[in-house]
C-alpha atoms as a PDB file:
ATOM      1  CA  MET A   1      15.492  20.650  28.403  1.00  0.00           C
ATOM      2  CA  LEU A   2      14.590  18.454  25.419  1.00  0.00           C
ATOM      3  CA  GLU A   3      11.673  19.627  23.784  1.00  0.00           C
ATOM      4  CA  VAL A   4       8.677  16.989  23.115  1.00  0.00           C
ATOM      5  CA  ASN A   5       7.503  18.484  19.570  1.00  0.00           C
ATOM      6  CA  PRO A   6      10.722  20.307  18.412  1.00  0.00           C
ATOM      7  CA  ILE A   7      10.481  22.813  15.624  1.00  0.00           C
ATOM      8  CA  PRO A   8      11.967  21.496  12.331  1.00  0.00           C
ATOM      9  CA  ALA A   9      14.904  23.587  11.074  1.00  0.00           C
ATOM     10  CA  GLU A  10      13.075  25.027   8.281  1.00  0.00           C
ATOM     11  CA  GLY A  11      10.203  26.091  10.522  1.00  0.00           C
ATOM     12  CA  LEU A  12       6.596  25.483  10.799  1.00  0.00           C
ATOM     13  CA  THR A  13       3.732  26.009   8.388  1.00  0.00           C
ATOM     14  CA  ILE A  14       0.974  28.439   9.346  1.00  0.00           C
ATOM     15  CA  ALA A  15      -1.398  25.574   9.837  1.00  0.00           C
ATOM     16  CA  ASP A  16       1.211  24.068  12.341  1.00  0.00           C
ATOM     17  CA  ALA A  17       2.115  27.395  14.108  1.00  0.00           C
ATOM     18  CA  ALA A  18      -1.997  27.810  14.710  1.00  0.00           C
ATOM     19  CA  ARG A  19      -2.141  24.563  16.184  1.00  0.00           C
ATOM     20  CA  ARG A  20       0.964  25.132  18.608  1.00  0.00           C
ATOM     21  CA  THR A  21      -0.248  28.717  19.644  1.00  0.00           C
ATOM     22  CA  GLY A  22      -4.005  28.043  19.900  1.00  0.00           C
ATOM     23  CA  VAL A  23      -4.956  30.849  17.411  1.00  0.00           C
ATOM     24  CA  SER A  24      -5.917  30.828  13.984  1.00  0.00           C
ATOM     25  CA  ALA A  25      -4.071  31.088  10.686  1.00  0.00           C
ATOM     26  CA  HIS A  26      -6.302  34.116   9.995  1.00  0.00           C
ATOM     27  CA  THR A  27      -4.965  35.508  13.644  1.00  0.00           C
ATOM     28  CA  LEU A  28      -1.612  34.932  12.756  1.00  0.00           C
ATOM     29  CA  ARG A  29      -1.539  36.748   9.493  1.00  0.00           C
ATOM     30  CA  TYR A  30      -3.326  39.548  11.264  1.00  0.00           C
ATOM     31  CA  TYR A  31      -0.732  39.805  13.835  1.00  0.00           C
ATOM     32  CA  GLU A  32       1.837  40.228  11.329  1.00  0.00           C
ATOM     33  CA  ARG A  33       0.074  42.594   9.227  1.00  0.00           C
ATOM     34  CA  ALA A  34      -0.792  44.816  12.418  1.00  0.00           C
ATOM     35  CA  GLY A  35       2.924  44.832  13.390  1.00  0.00           C
ATOM     36  CA  LEU A  36       2.615  42.695  16.504  1.00  0.00           C
ATOM     37  CA  VAL A  37       5.472  40.302  15.425  1.00  0.00           C
ATOM     38  CA  VAL A  38       8.719  41.308  16.716  1.00  0.00           C
ATOM     39  CA  THR A  39      10.887  39.389  14.053  1.00  0.00           C
ATOM     40  CA  ARG A  40      10.179  39.088  10.090  1.00  0.00           C
ATOM     41  CA  VAL A  41       8.591  35.835   9.685  1.00  0.00           C
ATOM     42  CA  ASP A  42      10.309  33.597   7.310  1.00  0.00           C
ATOM     43  CA  ARG A  43       9.156  32.840   4.157  1.00  0.00           C
ATOM     44  CA  THR A  44       9.742  29.741   1.389  1.00  0.00           C
ATOM     45  CA  SER A  45      10.838  30.556  -2.002  1.00  0.00           C
ATOM     46  CA  GLY A  46       6.936  30.160  -2.896  1.00  0.00           C
ATOM     47  CA  GLY A  47       6.213  32.770  -0.357  1.00  0.00           C
ATOM     48  CA  ARG A  48       4.798  30.568   2.329  1.00  0.00           C
ATOM     49  CA  ARG A  49       5.013  31.509   6.131  1.00  0.00           C
ATOM     50  CA  ARG A  50       7.538  29.624   8.254  1.00  0.00           C
ATOM     51  CA  TYR A  51       7.389  30.160  11.929  1.00  0.00           C
ATOM     52  CA  ARG A  52      10.440  29.524  14.351  1.00  0.00           C
ATOM     53  CA  LYS A  53      10.259  29.080  17.854  1.00  0.00           C
ATOM     54  CA  LEU A  54      10.940  32.821  18.551  1.00  0.00           C
ATOM     55  CA  ASP A  55       8.035  33.892  16.741  1.00  0.00           C
ATOM     56  CA  LEU A  56       5.830  31.279  18.327  1.00  0.00           C
ATOM     57  CA  ASP A  57       6.973  32.391  21.704  1.00  0.00           C
ATOM     58  CA  TRP A  58       6.319  35.635  20.869  1.00  0.00           C
ATOM     59  CA  ILE A  59       2.816  35.260  19.493  1.00  0.00           C
ATOM     60  CA  LYS A  60       2.004  33.492  22.865  1.00  0.00           C
ATOM     61  CA  ILE A  61       2.977  36.635  24.541  1.00  0.00           C
ATOM     62  CA  CYS A  62       0.683  39.027  22.222  1.00  0.00           C
ATOM     63  CA  THR A  63      -2.262  36.391  22.873  1.00  0.00           C
ATOM     64  CA  LYS A  64      -1.683  36.406  26.629  1.00  0.00           C
ATOM     65  CA  LEU A  65      -1.641  40.279  26.556  1.00  0.00           C
ATOM     66  CA  ARG A  66      -4.759  40.210  24.168  1.00  0.00           C
ATOM     67  CA  ALA A  67      -6.252  37.820  26.394  1.00  0.00           C
ATOM     68  CA  THR A  68      -5.831  40.243  29.673  1.00  0.00           C
ATOM     69  CA  GLY A  69      -7.546  43.435  27.882  1.00  0.00           C
ATOM     70  CA  MET A  70      -4.214  44.862  26.423  1.00  0.00           C
ATOM     71  CA  PRO A  71      -5.371  47.034  23.130  1.00  0.00           C
ATOM     72  CA  ILE A  72      -3.862  46.046  19.654  1.00  0.00           C
ATOM     73  CA  LYS A  73      -2.541  49.509  19.733  1.00  0.00           C
ATOM     74  CA  THR A  74      -0.543  49.133  22.767  1.00  0.00           C
ATOM     75  CA  ILE A  75       0.490  45.616  21.981  1.00  0.00           C
ATOM     76  CA  ARG A  76       2.133  47.126  18.815  1.00  0.00           C
ATOM     77  CA  ARG A  77       3.790  49.704  20.961  1.00  0.00           C
ATOM     78  CA  TYR A  78       5.255  47.242  22.957  1.00  0.00           C
ATOM     79  CA  ALA A  79       6.192  44.808  20.104  1.00  0.00           C
ATOM     80  CA  ASP A  80       8.009  48.326  18.544  1.00  0.00           C
ATOM     81  CA  LEU A  81       9.771  48.879  21.909  1.00  0.00           C
ATOM     82  CA  VAL A  82      11.049  45.064  21.665  1.00  0.00           C
ATOM     83  CA  ALA A  83      11.953  45.095  18.327  1.00  0.00           C
ATOM     84  CA  ALA A  84      14.021  48.440  18.552  1.00  0.00           C
ATOM     85  CA  GLY A  85      16.199  46.536  21.018  1.00  0.00           C
ATOM     86  CA  ARG A  86      18.163  47.573  23.809  1.00  0.00           C
ATOM     87  CA  GLY A  87      17.771  51.141  25.729  1.00  0.00           C
ATOM     88  CA  ASN A  88      13.746  51.425  26.124  1.00  0.00           C
ATOM     89  CA  GLU A  89      13.672  48.707  28.967  1.00  0.00           C
ATOM     90  CA  ARG A  90      12.049  51.520  31.320  1.00  0.00           C
ATOM     91  CA  GLU A  91       9.247  52.320  28.845  1.00  0.00           C
ATOM     92  CA  ARG A  92       8.539  48.496  28.318  1.00  0.00           C
ATOM     93  CA  LEU A  93       8.318  48.134  32.010  1.00  0.00           C
ATOM     94  CA  ALA A  94       6.111  51.094  32.542  1.00  0.00           C
ATOM     95  CA  LEU A  95       3.945  49.973  29.778  1.00  0.00           C
ATOM     96  CA  LEU A  96       3.485  46.385  31.367  1.00  0.00           C
ATOM     97  CA  GLU A  97       2.990  47.961  34.967  1.00  0.00           C
ATOM     98  CA  GLU A  98       0.086  50.153  33.712  1.00  0.00           C
ATOM     99  CA  HIS A  99      -1.355  47.159  31.960  1.00  0.00           C
ATOM    100  CA  ARG A 100      -0.912  45.138  35.167  1.00  0.00           C
ATOM    101  CA  ALA A 101      -2.562  47.665  37.157  1.00  0.00           C
ATOM    102  CA  ASP A 102      -5.288  47.638  34.631  1.00  0.00           C
ATOM    103  CA  VAL A 103      -5.837  43.913  35.095  1.00  0.00           C
ATOM    104  CA  LEU A 104      -5.784  44.271  38.583  1.00  0.00           C
ATOM    105  CA  ALA A 105      -8.613  46.813  38.597  1.00  0.00           C
ATOM    106  CA  ARG A 106     -10.740  44.669  36.148  1.00  0.00           C
ATOM    107  CA  LEU A 107      -9.891  41.458  38.667  1.00  0.00           C
ATOM    108  CA  ALA A 108     -11.318  43.537  41.588  1.00  0.00           C
ATOM    109  CA  GLU A 109     -14.521  44.493  39.824  1.00  0.00           C
ATOM    110  CA  LEU A 110     -14.963  40.631  38.822  1.00  0.00           C
ATOM    111  CA  GLN A 111     -14.200  39.531  42.470  1.00  0.00           C
ATOM    112  CA  GLU A 112     -17.004  42.181  43.711  1.00  0.00           C
ATOM    113  CA  ASN A 113     -19.458  40.968  40.968  1.00  0.00           C
ATOM    114  CA  LEU A 114     -18.607  37.129  41.778  1.00  0.00           C
ATOM    115  CA  GLN A 115     -19.318  38.204  45.592  1.00  0.00           C
ATOM    116  CA  LEU A 116     -22.840  39.251  44.589  1.00  0.00           C
ATOM    117  CA  ILE A 117     -23.591  35.866  42.590  1.00  0.00           C
ATOM    118  CA  ASP A 118     -22.275  34.070  45.684  1.00  0.00           C
ATOM    119  CA  ARG A 119     -24.659  36.063  47.865  1.00  0.00           C
ATOM    120  CA  LYS A 120     -27.460  35.374  45.463  1.00  0.00           C
ATOM    121  CA  ILE A 121     -26.724  31.658  45.379  1.00  0.00           C
ATOM    122  CA  GLY A 122     -26.535  31.538  49.113  1.00  0.00           C
ATOM    123  CA  VAL A 123     -30.296  33.227  49.197  1.00  0.00           C
ATOM    124  CA  TYR A 124     -31.639  30.538  46.512  1.00  0.00           C
ATOM    125  CA  ARG A 125     -30.136  27.448  48.180  1.00  0.00           C
ATOM    126  CA  GLY A 126     -31.429  28.741  51.673  1.00  0.00           C
ATOM    127  CA  ARG A 127     -34.802  29.438  50.517  1.00  0.00           C
ATOM    128  CA  LEU A 128     -35.154  26.271  48.767  1.00  0.00           C
ATOM    129  CA  GLU A 129     -34.083  24.232  51.691  1.00  0.00           C
ATOM    130  CA  ALA A 130     -36.250  26.117  53.744  1.00  0.00           C
ATOM    131  CA  GLY A 131     -39.069  25.453  51.259  1.00  0.00           C
ATOM    132  CA  ASP A 132     -40.130  28.698  50.921  1.00  0.00           C
ATOM    133  CA  ALA A 133     -38.606  29.692  47.611  1.00  0.00           C
ATOM    134  CA  ASP A 134     -41.733  30.966  45.998  1.00  0.00           C
ATOM    135  CA  GLY A 135     -41.266  33.982  48.300  1.00  0.00           C
ATOM    136  CA  LEU A 136     -38.115  35.062  46.133  1.00  0.00           C
ATOM    137  CA  TRP A 137     -38.871  38.374  44.429  1.00  0.00           C
ATOM    138  CA  ALA A 138     -39.899  38.239  40.847  1.00  0.00           C
ATOM    139  CA  PRO A 139     -41.109  41.127  38.683  1.00  0.00           C
ATOM    140  CA  VAL A 140     -45.053  41.254  38.121  1.00  0.00           C
ATOM    141  CA  PRO A 141     -45.844  42.736  34.678  1.00  0.00           C
ATOM    142  CA  ASP A 142     -47.992  46.109  34.832  1.00  0.00           C
ATOM    143  CA  GLN A 143     -51.630  45.143  35.470  1.00  0.00           C
ATOM    144  CA  PRO A 144     -54.110  47.122  33.231  1.00  0.00           C
ATOM    145  CA  LYS A 145     -56.042  49.582  35.544  1.00  0.00           C
ATOM    146  CA  PRO A 146     -59.874  49.440  35.848  1.00  0.00           C
ATOM    147  CA  LEU A 147     -61.888  51.755  34.029  1.00  0.00           C
END
């Protein structure tokens, strides 16, 4: 498949890599410092980072894992396993299955919360259509008691 915006042979600058991955240059540097990048990011003779397709693909994986709530420590563990190479696939699988279960639990909780919001929306729509929305519950501040 022909890539629309191929990565040049010399790699991408950090600014270009940030644009391609959707994260900031600061985040790219942090991911590298935190040990989340599985390969060593290339550098120019002047020390500037140059990102390759493999780097960008991995960073996208990290951002998806982070966006789904995986802690940095767990992403680092996963990155360490991947960087170690063959022989730990069962451990990688277990880590991802555990994270998937956490994501599914959060999705179920969100779905339950969404159902409550939908019920509330239905109540408001029904009351507004019926013309008696002023009968909806609203907290009343405590009134001072007469002396």
